[in-house]
């Protein structure tokens, strides 16, 4: 699934993101996506969750 989020100037400071290979990471561990989507809906623990907003840096 491709992310529908857009990059924005202001970070989502309450969301910590340490994935430095994501286009939305501001290099200060904040997310610059306009919105985030966490999947799957039937996850039962943190091991099963995934940020569907992830977009690799080019």
PDB file of N, CA and C in Angstrom:
ATOM      1  N   UNK A   1       0.834  -1.175   0.000  1.00  0.00           N
ATOM      2  CA  UNK A   1       0.000   0.000   0.000  1.00  0.00           C
ATOM      3  C   UNK A   1       0.884   1.245   0.000  1.00  0.00           C
ATOM      4  N   UNK A   2       0.603   2.169  -0.866  1.00  0.00           N
ATOM      5  CA  UNK A   2       1.386   3.400  -0.953  1.00  0.00           C
ATOM      6  C   UNK A   2       0.821   4.438   0.003  1.00  0.00           C
ATOM      7  N   UNK A   3       1.689   5.164   0.663  1.00  0.00           N
ATOM      8  CA  UNK A   3       1.295   6.204   1.606  1.00  0.00           C
ATOM      9  C   UNK A   3       0.624   7.354   0.875  1.00  0.00           C
ATOM     10  N   UNK A   4      -0.470   7.855   1.435  1.00  0.00           N
ATOM     11  CA  UNK A   4      -1.163   9.009   0.871  1.00  0.00           C
ATOM     12  C   UNK A   4      -0.798  10.292   1.605  1.00  0.00           C
ATOM     13  N   UNK A   5       0.053  10.197   2.604  1.00  0.00           N
ATOM     14  CA  UNK A   5       0.454  11.374   3.389  1.00  0.00           C
ATOM     15  C   UNK A   5       1.358  12.274   2.569  1.00  0.00           C
ATOM     16  N   UNK A   6       1.331  13.543   2.901  1.00  0.00           N
ATOM     17  CA  UNK A   6       2.188  14.535   2.266  1.00  0.00           C
ATOM     18  C   UNK A   6       3.189  15.024   3.302  1.00  0.00           C
ATOM     19  N   UNK A   7       4.352  15.442   2.842  1.00  0.00           N
ATOM     20  CA  UNK A   7       5.360  15.999   3.744  1.00  0.00           C
ATOM     21  C   UNK A   7       4.952  17.413   4.118  1.00  0.00           C
ATOM     22  N   UNK A   8       5.083  17.743   5.385  1.00  0.00           N
ATOM     23  CA  UNK A   8       4.756  19.087   5.849  1.00  0.00           C
ATOM     24  C   UNK A   8       5.952  19.679   6.581  1.00  0.00           C
ATOM     25  N   UNK A   9       5.933  20.969   6.806  1.00  0.00           N
ATOM     26  CA  UNK A   9       7.055  21.659   7.461  1.00  0.00           C
ATOM     27  C   UNK A   9       7.103  21.403   8.961  1.00  0.00           C
ATOM     28  N   UNK A  10       5.944  21.387   9.617  1.00  0.00           N
ATOM     29  CA  UNK A  10       5.888  21.189  11.061  1.00  0.00           C
ATOM     30  C   UNK A  10       5.799  19.700  11.375  1.00  0.00           C
ATOM     31  N   UNK A  11       6.561  19.268  12.359  1.00  0.00           N
ATOM     32  CA  UNK A  11       6.571  17.859  12.724  1.00  0.00           C
ATOM     33  C   UNK A  11       5.432  17.516  13.676  1.00  0.00           C
ATOM     34  N   UNK A  12       5.112  16.237  13.724  1.00  0.00           N
ATOM     35  CA  UNK A  12       4.175  15.708  14.710  1.00  0.00           C
ATOM     36  C   UNK A  12       5.039  15.388  15.931  1.00  0.00           C
ATOM     37  N   UNK A  13       5.219  16.348  16.818  1.00  0.00           N
ATOM     38  CA  UNK A  13       6.198  16.207  17.895  1.00  0.00           C
ATOM     39  C   UNK A  13       5.819  15.166  18.937  1.00  0.00           C
ATOM     40  N   UNK A  14       4.569  14.789  19.008  1.00  0.00           N
ATOM     41  CA  UNK A  14       4.162  13.768  19.972  1.00  0.00           C
ATOM     42  C   UNK A  14       4.415  12.363  19.443  1.00  0.00           C
ATOM     43  N   UNK A  15       4.817  12.248  18.192  1.00  0.00           N
ATOM     44  CA  UNK A  15       5.125  10.950  17.603  1.00  0.00           C
ATOM     45  C   UNK A  15       6.633  10.847  17.431  1.00  0.00           C
ATOM     46  N   UNK A  16       7.250   9.925  18.157  1.00  0.00           N
ATOM     47  CA  UNK A  16       8.691   9.702  18.023  1.00  0.00           C
ATOM     48  C   UNK A  16       8.917   8.687  16.906  1.00  0.00           C
ATOM     49  N   UNK A  17       9.784   9.030  15.981  1.00  0.00           N
ATOM     50  CA  UNK A  17      10.134   8.134  14.882  1.00  0.00           C
ATOM     51  C   UNK A  17      11.655   8.089  14.756  1.00  0.00           C
ATOM     52  N   UNK A  18      12.215   6.914  14.880  1.00  0.00           N
ATOM     53  CA  UNK A  18      13.667   6.764  14.788  1.00  0.00           C
ATOM     54  C   UNK A  18      14.096   6.084  13.493  1.00  0.00           C
ATOM     55  N   UNK A  19      13.181   5.959  12.545  1.00  0.00           N
ATOM     56  CA  UNK A  19      13.475   5.319  11.264  1.00  0.00           C
ATOM     57  C   UNK A  19      14.127   6.350  10.350  1.00  0.00           C
ATOM     58  N   UNK A  20      15.458   6.375  10.347  1.00  0.00           N
ATOM     59  CA  UNK A  20      16.169   7.404   9.582  1.00  0.00           C
ATOM     60  C   UNK A  20      16.148   7.182   8.078  1.00  0.00           C
ATOM     61  N   UNK A  21      15.598   6.078   7.622  1.00  0.00           N
ATOM     62  CA  UNK A  21      15.474   5.817   6.186  1.00  0.00           C
ATOM     63  C   UNK A  21      14.116   6.252   5.635  1.00  0.00           C
ATOM     64  N   UNK A  22      13.276   6.845   6.477  1.00  0.00           N
ATOM     65  CA  UNK A  22      11.951   7.298   6.037  1.00  0.00           C
ATOM     66  C   UNK A  22      12.010   8.755   5.591  1.00  0.00           C
ATOM     67  N   UNK A  23      11.355   9.049   4.485  1.00  0.00           N
ATOM     68  CA  UNK A  23      11.295  10.412   3.948  1.00  0.00           C
ATOM     69  C   UNK A  23      10.694  11.396   4.946  1.00  0.00           C
ATOM     70  N   UNK A  24       9.808  10.948   5.801  1.00  0.00           N
ATOM     71  CA  UNK A  24       9.107  11.828   6.727  1.00  0.00           C
ATOM     72  C   UNK A  24       9.887  12.092   8.020  1.00  0.00           C
ATOM     73  N   UNK A  25      10.998  11.429   8.253  1.00  0.00           N
ATOM     74  CA  UNK A  25      11.782  11.646   9.466  1.00  0.00           C
ATOM     75  C   UNK A  25      12.548  12.964   9.332  1.00  0.00           C
ATOM     76  N   UNK A  26      12.434  13.829  10.343  1.00  0.00           N
ATOM     77  CA  UNK A  26      13.087  15.146  10.273  1.00  0.00           C
ATOM     78  C   UNK A  26      14.504  15.149  10.850  1.00  0.00           C
ATOM     79  N   UNK A  27      15.070  13.998  11.088  1.00  0.00           N
ATOM     80  CA  UNK A  27      16.421  13.809  11.623  1.00  0.00           C
ATOM     81  C   UNK A  27      16.542  14.262  13.078  1.00  0.00           C
ATOM     82  N   UNK A  28      15.408  14.562  13.720  1.00  0.00           N
ATOM     83  CA  UNK A  28      15.371  14.850  15.158  1.00  0.00           C
ATOM     84  C   UNK A  28      14.392  13.897  15.840  1.00  0.00           C
ATOM     85  N   UNK A  29      14.101  12.798  15.154  1.00  0.00           N
ATOM     86  CA  UNK A  29      13.173  11.764  15.632  1.00  0.00           C
ATOM     87  C   UNK A  29      11.718  12.216  15.683  1.00  0.00           C
ATOM     88  N   UNK A  30      11.346  13.143  14.797  1.00  0.00           N
ATOM     89  CA  UNK A  30       9.962  13.569  14.658  1.00  0.00           C
ATOM     90  C   UNK A  30       9.473  13.247  13.251  1.00  0.00           C
ATOM     91  N   UNK A  31       8.181  13.076  13.131  1.00  0.00           N
ATOM     92  CA  UNK A  31       7.560  12.725  11.854  1.00  0.00           C
ATOM     93  C   UNK A  31       7.019  13.975  11.163  1.00  0.00           C
ATOM     94  N   UNK A  32       7.337  14.144   9.874  1.00  0.00           N
ATOM     95  CA  UNK A  32       6.855  15.285   9.083  1.00  0.00           C
ATOM     96  C   UNK A  32       5.683  14.915   8.168  1.00  0.00           C
ATOM     97  N   UNK A  33       5.123  13.731   8.332  1.00  0.00           N
ATOM     98  CA  UNK A  33       3.964  13.338   7.524  1.00  0.00           C
ATOM     99  C   UNK A  33       2.747  14.151   7.958  1.00  0.00           C
ATOM    100  N   UNK A  34       1.850  14.430   7.032  1.00  0.00           N
ATOM    101  CA  UNK A  34       0.636  15.178   7.350  1.00  0.00           C
ATOM    102  C   UNK A  34      -0.312  14.360   8.209  1.00  0.00           C
ATOM    103  N   UNK A  35      -0.184  13.048   8.136  1.00  0.00           N
ATOM    104  CA  UNK A  35      -0.960  12.119   8.962  1.00  0.00           C
ATOM    105  C   UNK A  35      -0.195  10.800   8.978  1.00  0.00           C
ATOM    106  N   UNK A  36      -0.506   9.943   9.926  1.00  0.00           N
ATOM    107  CA  UNK A  36       0.143   8.637   9.972  1.00  0.00           C
ATOM    108  C   UNK A  36      -0.911   7.543  10.013  1.00  0.00           C
ATOM    109  N   UNK A  37      -0.539   6.376   9.503  1.00  0.00           N
ATOM    110  CA  UNK A  37      -1.427   5.216   9.527  1.00  0.00           C
ATOM    111  C   UNK A  37      -0.641   4.042  10.080  1.00  0.00           C
ATOM    112  N   UNK A  38      -1.159   3.463  11.156  1.00  0.00           N
ATOM    113  CA  UNK A  38      -0.543   2.301  11.778  1.00  0.00           C
ATOM    114  C   UNK A  38      -1.413   1.091  11.469  1.00  0.00           C
ATOM    115  N   UNK A  39      -0.798   0.007  11.054  1.00  0.00           N
ATOM    116  CA  UNK A  39      -1.518  -1.219  10.676  1.00  0.00           C
ATOM    117  C   UNK A  39      -0.888  -2.419  11.361  1.00  0.00           C
ATOM    118  N   UNK A  40      -1.484  -3.573  11.336  1.00  0.00           N
ATOM    119  CA  UNK A  40      -2.809  -3.941  10.841  1.00  0.00           C
ATOM    120  C   UNK A  40      -3.874  -3.728  11.918  1.00  0.00           C
ATOM    121  N   UNK A  41      -5.138  -3.721  11.524  1.00  0.00           N
ATOM    122  CA  UNK A  41      -6.205  -3.475  12.489  1.00  0.00           C
ATOM    123  C   UNK A  41      -6.348  -4.580  13.536  1.00  0.00           C
ATOM    124  N   UNK A  42      -5.875  -5.764  13.257  1.00  0.00           N
ATOM    125  CA  UNK A  42      -6.055  -6.880  14.188  1.00  0.00           C
ATOM    126  C   UNK A  42      -4.781  -7.206  14.979  1.00  0.00           C
ATOM    127  N   UNK A  43      -3.849  -6.271  15.099  1.00  0.00           N
ATOM    128  CA  UNK A  43      -2.605  -6.508  15.844  1.00  0.00           C
ATOM    129  C   UNK A  43      -2.919  -6.792  17.310  1.00  0.00           C
ATOM    130  N   UNK A  44      -2.136  -7.690  17.908  1.00  0.00           N
ATOM    131  CA  UNK A  44      -2.361  -8.010  19.316  1.00  0.00           C
ATOM    132  C   UNK A  44      -1.201  -7.567  20.206  1.00  0.00           C
ATOM    133  N   UNK A  45      -0.092  -7.118  19.607  1.00  0.00           N
ATOM    134  CA  UNK A  45       1.029  -6.576  20.387  1.00  0.00           C
ATOM    135  C   UNK A  45       1.897  -5.697  19.491  1.00  0.00           C
ATOM    136  N   UNK A  46       2.883  -5.030  20.071  1.00  0.00           N
ATOM    137  CA  UNK A  46       3.697  -4.087  19.310  1.00  0.00           C
ATOM    138  C   UNK A  46       4.521  -4.753  18.217  1.00  0.00           C
ATOM    139  N   UNK A  47       4.851  -6.007  18.385  1.00  0.00           N
ATOM    140  CA  UNK A  47       5.619  -6.735  17.366  1.00  0.00           C
ATOM    141  C   UNK A  47       4.855  -6.846  16.051  1.00  0.00           C
ATOM    142  N   UNK A  48       3.545  -6.776  16.112  1.00  0.00           N
ATOM    143  CA  UNK A  48       2.705  -6.955  14.921  1.00  0.00           C
ATOM    144  C   UNK A  48       2.317  -5.639  14.252  1.00  0.00           C
ATOM    145  N   UNK A  49       2.685  -4.514  14.821  1.00  0.00           N
ATOM    146  CA  UNK A  49       2.275  -3.231  14.251  1.00  0.00           C
ATOM    147  C   UNK A  49       3.309  -2.708  13.260  1.00  0.00           C
ATOM    148  N   UNK A  50       2.858  -1.829  12.377  1.00  0.00           N
ATOM    149  CA  UNK A  50       3.700  -1.316  11.305  1.00  0.00           C
ATOM    150  C   UNK A  50       3.212   0.073  10.900  1.00  0.00           C
ATOM    151  N   UNK A  51       4.140   0.982  10.627  1.00  0.00           N
ATOM    152  CA  UNK A  51       3.774   2.303  10.139  1.00  0.00           C
ATOM    153  C   UNK A  51       3.570   2.227   8.625  1.00  0.00           C
ATOM    154  N   UNK A  52       2.320   2.281   8.216  1.00  0.00           N
ATOM    155  CA  UNK A  52       1.991   2.199   6.790  1.00  0.00           C
ATOM    156  C   UNK A  52       2.293   3.495   6.065  1.00  0.00           C
ATOM    157  N   UNK A  53       2.623   4.554   6.786  1.00  0.00           N
ATOM    158  CA  UNK A  53       2.959   5.845   6.195  1.00  0.00           C
ATOM    159  C   UNK A  53       4.394   5.873   5.674  1.00  0.00           C
ATOM    160  N   UNK A  54       5.225   4.943   6.116  1.00  0.00           N
ATOM    161  CA  UNK A  54       6.637   4.896   5.734  1.00  0.00           C
ATOM    162  C   UNK A  54       6.814   5.054   4.225  1.00  0.00           C
ATOM    163  N   UNK A  55       7.734   5.938   3.865  1.00  0.00           N
ATOM    164  CA  UNK A  55       8.122   6.121   2.461  1.00  0.00           C
ATOM    165  C   UNK A  55       9.651   6.229   2.451  1.00  0.00           C
ATOM    166  N   UNK A  56      10.347   5.370   1.707  1.00  0.00           N
ATOM    167  CA  UNK A  56      11.818   5.400   1.714  1.00  0.00           C
ATOM    168  C   UNK A  56      12.372   6.714   1.164  1.00  0.00           C
ATOM    169  N   UNK A  57      13.472   7.169   1.770  1.00  0.00           N
ATOM    170  CA  UNK A  57      14.152   8.353   1.251  1.00  0.00           C
ATOM    171  C   UNK A  57      14.784   8.024  -0.088  1.00  0.00           C
ATOM    172  N   UNK A  58      14.817   8.987  -0.988  1.00  0.00           N
ATOM    173  CA  UNK A  58      15.435   8.769  -2.306  1.00  0.00           C
ATOM    174  C   UNK A  58      16.830   9.300  -2.341  1.00  0.00           C
TER     175      UNK A  58
END
